[in-house]
């Protein structure tokens, strides 16, 4: 059973694609900001999309292993399209809403800070910021998807 997991090409292609896509975010961020941000290794959003990279690597590996006409490929491809659409659509818009809500929270906290009674209120009443980088720009999804296909094709000879 353990050997089955180690021989599972689609699984390892997808996991490797996630790891590589997440790691790539760190030097890309450094080149644009000149600061190292190692937390990007475990964050969502940004260039490239690790979600897209994972699902395209998975679908490519399933296609190479089972055949591109197989039911397994069809299932993985459709689920991949849904994940990629979600990453560039719903999750991206949720991130945009988080930006607006965070501005409102900042203004609200500033208003409360200027009130004399604010000091007597517990700190739990202060609102916490929402995560703004949730989804992806379409180009981030495209690059992540391309990366996933390339990784699966490069890893395939080892299985």
Protein backbone atom coordinates (compact mmCIF):
# COMPACT_ATOMS: atom_id res chain seq x y z
CA UNK A 1 0.00 0.00 0.00
CA UNK A 2 2.80 2.45 0.85
CA UNK A 3 4.44 1.67 -2.49
CA UNK A 4 1.18 2.61 -4.23
CA UNK A 5 1.41 6.11 -2.79
CA UNK A 6 5.06 6.51 -3.78
CA UNK A 7 4.25 5.31 -7.30
CA UNK A 8 1.24 7.60 -7.70
CA UNK A 9 2.44 9.88 -10.48
CA UNK A 10 -0.62 12.19 -10.54
CA UNK A 11 -0.41 12.74 -6.78
CA UNK A 12 3.29 13.61 -6.80
CA UNK A 13 3.01 15.78 -9.92
CA UNK A 14 0.26 17.83 -8.25
CA UNK A 15 2.08 18.12 -4.91
CA UNK A 16 5.31 19.09 -6.63
CA UNK A 17 3.45 21.68 -8.69
CA UNK A 18 1.98 23.21 -5.53
CA UNK A 19 5.39 23.34 -3.85
CA UNK A 20 7.16 24.85 -6.83
CA UNK A 21 4.42 27.41 -7.50
CA UNK A 22 4.40 28.48 -3.84
CA UNK A 23 8.20 28.73 -3.77
CA UNK A 24 8.30 30.81 -6.97
CA UNK A 25 6.20 33.48 -5.24
CA UNK A 26 9.09 34.29 -2.89
CA UNK A 27 11.73 35.38 -5.45
CA UNK A 28 9.06 37.08 -7.61
CA UNK A 29 8.06 39.16 -4.58
CA UNK A 30 11.72 39.92 -3.87
CA UNK A 31 12.34 41.16 -7.42
CA UNK A 32 9.41 43.57 -7.20
CA UNK A 33 9.82 44.80 -3.61
CA UNK A 34 13.44 44.01 -2.69
CA UNK A 35 12.25 42.29 0.49
CA UNK A 36 12.16 38.59 1.27
CA UNK A 37 8.74 37.41 2.40
CA UNK A 38 9.06 33.72 3.30
CA UNK A 39 5.46 33.57 4.53
CA UNK A 40 4.38 33.57 0.87
CA UNK A 41 5.30 29.89 0.84
CA UNK A 42 2.10 29.21 2.79
CA UNK A 43 -0.15 32.01 1.54
CA UNK A 44 -2.99 32.13 -0.96
CA UNK A 45 -3.17 34.30 -4.04
CA UNK A 46 -0.31 35.82 -5.99
CA UNK A 47 1.79 34.81 -8.98
CA UNK A 48 1.67 31.99 -9.98
CA UNK A 49 -1.54 30.31 -8.88
CA UNK A 50 -0.60 27.12 -7.04
CA UNK A 51 -4.23 25.98 -7.26
CA UNK A 52 -4.07 26.17 -11.05
CA UNK A 53 -0.65 24.59 -11.09
CA UNK A 54 -1.86 21.67 -8.98
CA UNK A 55 -4.99 20.91 -10.97
CA UNK A 56 -3.31 21.15 -14.36
CA UNK A 57 -0.42 18.96 -13.19
CA UNK A 58 -2.96 16.47 -11.85
CA UNK A 59 -5.01 16.46 -15.06
CA UNK A 60 -1.93 16.21 -17.24
CA UNK A 61 -0.55 13.34 -15.17
CA UNK A 62 -3.90 11.52 -15.21
CA UNK A 63 -4.08 12.02 -18.98
CA UNK A 64 -0.56 10.68 -19.47
CA UNK A 65 -1.18 7.71 -17.18
CA UNK A 66 -4.80 6.79 -17.99
CA UNK A 67 -5.22 8.35 -21.43
CA UNK A 68 -6.70 11.68 -22.40
CA UNK A 69 -9.91 9.94 -23.45
CA UNK A 70 -10.43 8.29 -20.06
CA UNK A 71 -13.18 9.05 -17.60
CA UNK A 72 -10.56 9.83 -14.95
CA UNK A 73 -9.05 12.52 -17.14
CA UNK A 74 -12.48 14.00 -17.81
CA UNK A 75 -13.22 14.17 -14.09
CA UNK A 76 -9.87 15.76 -13.22
CA UNK A 77 -10.09 18.23 -16.11
CA UNK A 78 -13.60 19.41 -15.20
CA UNK A 79 -12.69 19.76 -11.52
CA UNK A 80 -9.57 21.64 -12.61
CA UNK A 81 -11.60 24.08 -14.68
CA UNK A 82 -13.90 24.67 -11.70
CA UNK A 83 -10.95 25.31 -9.36
CA UNK A 84 -9.29 27.68 -11.83
CA UNK A 85 -12.54 29.55 -12.48
CA UNK A 86 -13.08 29.87 -8.74
CA UNK A 87 -9.51 31.12 -8.19
CA UNK A 88 -9.90 33.86 -10.80
CA UNK A 89 -13.54 34.61 -10.07
CA UNK A 90 -15.21 34.10 -6.72
CA UNK A 91 -12.06 34.07 -4.59
CA UNK A 92 -10.65 37.10 -6.41
CA UNK A 93 -13.82 39.08 -5.84
CA UNK A 94 -13.85 38.03 -2.19
CA UNK A 95 -10.35 39.50 -1.92
CA UNK A 96 -11.52 42.73 -3.54
CA UNK A 97 -14.38 42.93 -1.05
CA UNK A 98 -11.90 42.35 1.78
CA UNK A 99 -9.96 45.45 0.66
CA UNK A 100 -13.10 47.59 0.88
CA UNK A 101 -14.15 46.08 4.20
CA UNK A 102 -10.67 46.61 5.65
CA UNK A 103 -10.86 50.30 4.70
CA UNK A 104 -14.21 50.56 6.46
CA UNK A 105 -12.80 48.79 9.52
CA UNK A 106 -9.82 51.17 9.60
CA UNK A 107 -12.10 54.18 9.42
CA UNK A 108 -14.39 52.73 12.09
CA UNK A 109 -11.44 51.98 14.41
CA UNK A 110 -10.11 55.51 13.84
CA UNK A 111 -13.52 56.91 14.76
CA UNK A 112 -13.65 54.80 17.91
CA UNK A 113 -10.12 55.81 18.87
CA UNK A 114 -11.13 59.46 18.76
CA UNK A 115 -14.02 58.86 21.13
CA UNK A 116 -13.25 59.26 24.82
CA UNK A 117 -15.17 56.12 25.75
CA UNK A 118 -13.07 54.00 23.44
CA UNK A 119 -10.44 53.44 26.13
CA UNK A 120 -12.99 51.80 28.40
CA UNK A 121 -14.07 49.28 25.77
CA UNK A 122 -12.39 45.89 25.64
CA UNK A 123 -9.94 45.38 22.79
CA UNK A 124 -12.02 42.46 21.49
CA UNK A 125 -14.48 44.98 20.02
CA UNK A 126 -11.86 46.22 17.58
CA UNK A 127 -12.44 44.51 14.25
CA UNK A 128 -9.71 42.36 12.74
CA UNK A 129 -8.52 42.80 9.18
CA UNK A 130 -9.62 40.34 6.55
CA UNK A 131 -7.16 38.56 4.28
CA UNK A 132 -7.12 40.51 1.02
CA UNK A 133 -5.01 38.26 -1.19
CA UNK A 134 -7.42 35.39 -1.74
CA UNK A 135 -7.82 34.91 -5.46
CA UNK A 136 -5.86 35.45 -8.63
CA UNK A 137 -5.68 37.69 -11.63
CA UNK A 138 -6.41 35.72 -14.83
CA UNK A 139 -2.72 35.90 -15.83
CA UNK A 140 -1.72 34.30 -12.50
CA UNK A 141 -4.14 31.43 -13.21
CA UNK A 142 -2.80 31.05 -16.77
CA UNK A 143 0.84 31.02 -15.66
CA UNK A 144 0.04 28.61 -12.79
CA UNK A 145 -1.81 26.30 -15.17
CA UNK A 146 1.05 26.32 -17.66
CA UNK A 147 3.53 25.62 -14.86
CA UNK A 148 1.48 22.60 -13.79
CA UNK A 149 1.46 21.10 -17.27
CA UNK A 150 5.22 21.63 -17.62
CA UNK A 151 5.93 20.05 -14.22
CA UNK A 152 3.83 16.97 -15.03
CA UNK A 153 5.60 16.55 -18.36
CA UNK A 154 9.03 16.91 -16.73
CA UNK A 155 8.24 14.51 -13.88
CA UNK A 156 6.56 11.87 -16.07
CA UNK A 157 9.79 10.12 -17.15
CA UNK A 158 10.61 9.38 -13.50
CA UNK A 159 7.47 7.29 -13.04
